[in-house]
């Protein structure tokens, strides 16, 4: 394992709701669900427009996320699918399948009031 060299003095941050730490994090026991959930927070924070969502294809094409899901007993794309399913069942994210130009596309929203 390559040693982490630390955080630089100037860097960007991704905010997480306090409820993530007090109510959601204690419920998550699967590391792949946690990694995927955190990555979705990061991804949505960097998007503009409304509504903010990410797609399965975007997550699948993210090298950082997919590299973090390697090493499991299943291929990374199956691990991602399982992690997304757990987060949807938990109610952390909302999954919809949209018809985009005649092609179904899996999209994921953070489960918020709006």
C-alpha atoms as a PDB file:
ATOM      1  CA  UNK A   1       0.000   0.000   0.000  1.00  0.00           C
ATOM      2  CA  UNK A   2       1.283   3.425  -0.952  1.00  0.00           C
ATOM      3  CA  UNK A   3       1.522   5.715   2.086  1.00  0.00           C
ATOM      4  CA  UNK A   4      -0.731   8.792   2.097  1.00  0.00           C
ATOM      5  CA  UNK A   5       1.458  11.909   2.153  1.00  0.00           C
ATOM      6  CA  UNK A   6      -1.033  14.164   3.934  1.00  0.00           C
ATOM      7  CA  UNK A   7      -3.313  17.028   3.014  1.00  0.00           C
ATOM      8  CA  UNK A   8      -1.972  20.239   1.444  1.00  0.00           C
ATOM      9  CA  UNK A   9      -2.403  23.592   3.163  1.00  0.00           C
ATOM     10  CA  UNK A  10      -4.861  24.848   0.544  1.00  0.00           C
ATOM     11  CA  UNK A  11      -7.495  22.385  -0.612  1.00  0.00           C
ATOM     12  CA  UNK A  12     -11.162  22.086  -1.471  1.00  0.00           C
ATOM     13  CA  UNK A  13     -13.731  20.525   0.847  1.00  0.00           C
ATOM     14  CA  UNK A  14     -16.915  18.600   0.270  1.00  0.00           C
ATOM     15  CA  UNK A  15     -19.544  19.287   2.927  1.00  0.00           C
ATOM     16  CA  UNK A  16     -21.497  16.465   4.527  1.00  0.00           C
ATOM     17  CA  UNK A  17     -24.714  16.970   6.490  1.00  0.00           C
ATOM     18  CA  UNK A  18     -24.405  16.512  10.255  1.00  0.00           C
ATOM     19  CA  UNK A  19     -27.123  13.839  10.013  1.00  0.00           C
ATOM     20  CA  UNK A  20     -24.698  11.798   7.926  1.00  0.00           C
ATOM     21  CA  UNK A  21     -22.486  11.373  10.991  1.00  0.00           C
ATOM     22  CA  UNK A  22     -25.178  11.114  13.656  1.00  0.00           C
ATOM     23  CA  UNK A  23     -27.815   8.944  11.940  1.00  0.00           C
ATOM     24  CA  UNK A  24     -26.553   7.431   8.693  1.00  0.00           C
ATOM     25  CA  UNK A  25     -22.935   6.466   9.346  1.00  0.00           C
ATOM     26  CA  UNK A  26     -23.780   4.316  12.397  1.00  0.00           C
ATOM     27  CA  UNK A  27     -26.139   2.260  10.199  1.00  0.00           C
ATOM     28  CA  UNK A  28     -23.673   1.551   7.364  1.00  0.00           C
ATOM     29  CA  UNK A  29     -21.633  -1.602   7.915  1.00  0.00           C
ATOM     30  CA  UNK A  30     -20.567  -2.327   4.332  1.00  0.00           C
ATOM     31  CA  UNK A  31     -17.412  -0.472   3.246  1.00  0.00           C
ATOM     32  CA  UNK A  32     -18.424  -0.447  -0.431  1.00  0.00           C
ATOM     33  CA  UNK A  33     -21.754   1.188   0.420  1.00  0.00           C
ATOM     34  CA  UNK A  34     -19.892   3.792   2.480  1.00  0.00           C
ATOM     35  CA  UNK A  35     -17.370   4.507  -0.298  1.00  0.00           C
ATOM     36  CA  UNK A  36     -20.116   4.776  -2.906  1.00  0.00           C
ATOM     37  CA  UNK A  37     -22.304   6.988  -0.709  1.00  0.00           C
ATOM     38  CA  UNK A  38     -19.428   9.358   0.039  1.00  0.00           C
ATOM     39  CA  UNK A  39     -18.526   9.482  -3.619  1.00  0.00           C
ATOM     40  CA  UNK A  40     -22.106  10.397  -4.535  1.00  0.00           C
ATOM     41  CA  UNK A  41     -22.033  13.283  -2.023  1.00  0.00           C
ATOM     42  CA  UNK A  42     -18.785  14.473  -3.616  1.00  0.00           C
ATOM     43  CA  UNK A  43     -20.118  14.101  -7.156  1.00  0.00           C
ATOM     44  CA  UNK A  44     -23.380  15.927  -6.471  1.00  0.00           C
ATOM     45  CA  UNK A  45     -21.617  18.764  -4.646  1.00  0.00           C
ATOM     46  CA  UNK A  46     -19.568  19.509  -7.767  1.00  0.00           C
ATOM     47  CA  UNK A  47     -22.555  19.562 -10.130  1.00  0.00           C
ATOM     48  CA  UNK A  48     -24.465  22.660 -11.100  1.00  0.00           C
ATOM     49  CA  UNK A  49     -28.101  23.085 -11.983  1.00  0.00           C
ATOM     50  CA  UNK A  50     -31.256  21.535 -10.642  1.00  0.00           C
ATOM     51  CA  UNK A  51     -31.976  18.825  -9.949  1.00  0.00           C
ATOM     52  CA  UNK A  52     -28.558  17.424  -9.119  1.00  0.00           C
ATOM     53  CA  UNK A  53     -28.099  13.758  -9.864  1.00  0.00           C
ATOM     54  CA  UNK A  54     -25.452  11.324 -10.981  1.00  0.00           C
ATOM     55  CA  UNK A  55     -25.793   8.436 -13.372  1.00  0.00           C
ATOM     56  CA  UNK A  56     -24.661   4.856 -13.128  1.00  0.00           C
ATOM     57  CA  UNK A  57     -22.493   5.481 -16.190  1.00  0.00           C
ATOM     58  CA  UNK A  58     -20.787   8.468 -14.516  1.00  0.00           C
ATOM     59  CA  UNK A  59     -20.063   6.406 -11.407  1.00  0.00           C
ATOM     60  CA  UNK A  60     -18.841   3.469 -13.472  1.00  0.00           C
ATOM     61  CA  UNK A  61     -16.487   5.743 -15.423  1.00  0.00           C
ATOM     62  CA  UNK A  62     -15.004   7.339 -12.300  1.00  0.00           C
ATOM     63  CA  UNK A  63     -11.555   5.762 -11.947  1.00  0.00           C
ATOM     64  CA  UNK A  64     -11.106   6.806  -8.317  1.00  0.00           C
ATOM     65  CA  UNK A  65     -14.355   5.188  -7.208  1.00  0.00           C
ATOM     66  CA  UNK A  66     -13.922   2.074  -9.305  1.00  0.00           C
ATOM     67  CA  UNK A  67     -10.320   1.562  -8.150  1.00  0.00           C
ATOM     68  CA  UNK A  68     -11.530   1.770  -4.552  1.00  0.00           C
ATOM     69  CA  UNK A  69     -14.039  -1.020  -5.266  1.00  0.00           C
ATOM     70  CA  UNK A  70     -11.444  -3.432  -6.677  1.00  0.00           C
ATOM     71  CA  UNK A  71     -10.198  -6.331  -4.650  1.00  0.00           C
ATOM     72  CA  UNK A  72     -13.601  -7.619  -3.747  1.00  0.00           C
ATOM     73  CA  UNK A  73     -14.710 -11.123  -4.748  1.00  0.00           C
ATOM     74  CA  UNK A  74     -16.869  -9.685  -7.552  1.00  0.00           C
ATOM     75  CA  UNK A  75     -15.975  -7.470 -10.517  1.00  0.00           C
ATOM     76  CA  UNK A  76     -16.029  -3.731  -9.615  1.00  0.00           C
ATOM     77  CA  UNK A  77     -19.144  -3.032 -11.700  1.00  0.00           C
ATOM     78  CA  UNK A  78     -21.091  -5.657  -9.720  1.00  0.00           C
ATOM     79  CA  UNK A  79     -19.717  -4.280  -6.450  1.00  0.00           C
ATOM     80  CA  UNK A  80     -20.895  -0.812  -7.495  1.00  0.00           C
ATOM     81  CA  UNK A  81     -24.356  -2.149  -8.354  1.00  0.00           C
ATOM     82  CA  UNK A  82     -24.615  -3.916  -4.987  1.00  0.00           C
ATOM     83  CA  UNK A  83     -23.454  -0.800  -3.108  1.00  0.00           C
ATOM     84  CA  UNK A  84     -25.975   1.381  -4.923  1.00  0.00           C
ATOM     85  CA  UNK A  85     -28.718  -1.120  -4.158  1.00  0.00           C
ATOM     86  CA  UNK A  86     -27.837  -1.050  -0.439  1.00  0.00           C
ATOM     87  CA  UNK A  87     -27.859   2.770  -0.390  1.00  0.00           C
ATOM     88  CA  UNK A  88     -31.231   2.837  -2.170  1.00  0.00           C
ATOM     89  CA  UNK A  89     -32.714   0.264   0.227  1.00  0.00           C
ATOM     90  CA  UNK A  90     -31.406   2.281   3.175  1.00  0.00           C
ATOM     91  CA  UNK A  91     -33.069   5.411   1.775  1.00  0.00           C
ATOM     92  CA  UNK A  92     -29.858   7.403   1.391  1.00  0.00           C
ATOM     93  CA  UNK A  93     -30.278   7.819  -2.344  1.00  0.00           C
ATOM     94  CA  UNK A  94     -33.196   7.627  -4.754  1.00  0.00           C
ATOM     95  CA  UNK A  95     -32.908   5.598  -7.941  1.00  0.00           C
ATOM     96  CA  UNK A  96     -34.893   6.343 -11.070  1.00  0.00           C
ATOM     97  CA  UNK A  97     -34.641   4.955 -14.572  1.00  0.00           C
ATOM     98  CA  UNK A  98     -35.133   7.709 -17.134  1.00  0.00           C
ATOM     99  CA  UNK A  99     -35.741   7.341 -20.842  1.00  0.00           C
ATOM    100  CA  UNK A 100     -33.043   9.419 -22.511  1.00  0.00           C
ATOM    101  CA  UNK A 101     -33.497   9.417 -26.282  1.00  0.00           C
ATOM    102  CA  UNK A 102     -35.023   5.941 -26.207  1.00  0.00           C
ATOM    103  CA  UNK A 103     -32.308   4.501 -23.963  1.00  0.00           C
ATOM    104  CA  UNK A 104     -32.950   3.752 -20.282  1.00  0.00           C
ATOM    105  CA  UNK A 105     -30.505   5.467 -17.934  1.00  0.00           C
ATOM    106  CA  UNK A 106     -30.094   4.830 -14.198  1.00  0.00           C
ATOM    107  CA  UNK A 107     -29.941   8.086 -12.262  1.00  0.00           C
ATOM    108  CA  UNK A 108     -29.341   8.639  -8.560  1.00  0.00           C
ATOM    109  CA  UNK A 109     -30.440  11.550  -6.383  1.00  0.00           C
ATOM    110  CA  UNK A 110     -29.625  12.285  -2.770  1.00  0.00           C
ATOM    111  CA  UNK A 111     -32.771  11.632  -0.707  1.00  0.00           C
ATOM    112  CA  UNK A 112     -33.562  15.183   0.373  1.00  0.00           C
ATOM    113  CA  UNK A 113     -36.771  17.055   1.042  1.00  0.00           C
ATOM    114  CA  UNK A 114     -36.576  18.771  -2.336  1.00  0.00           C
END
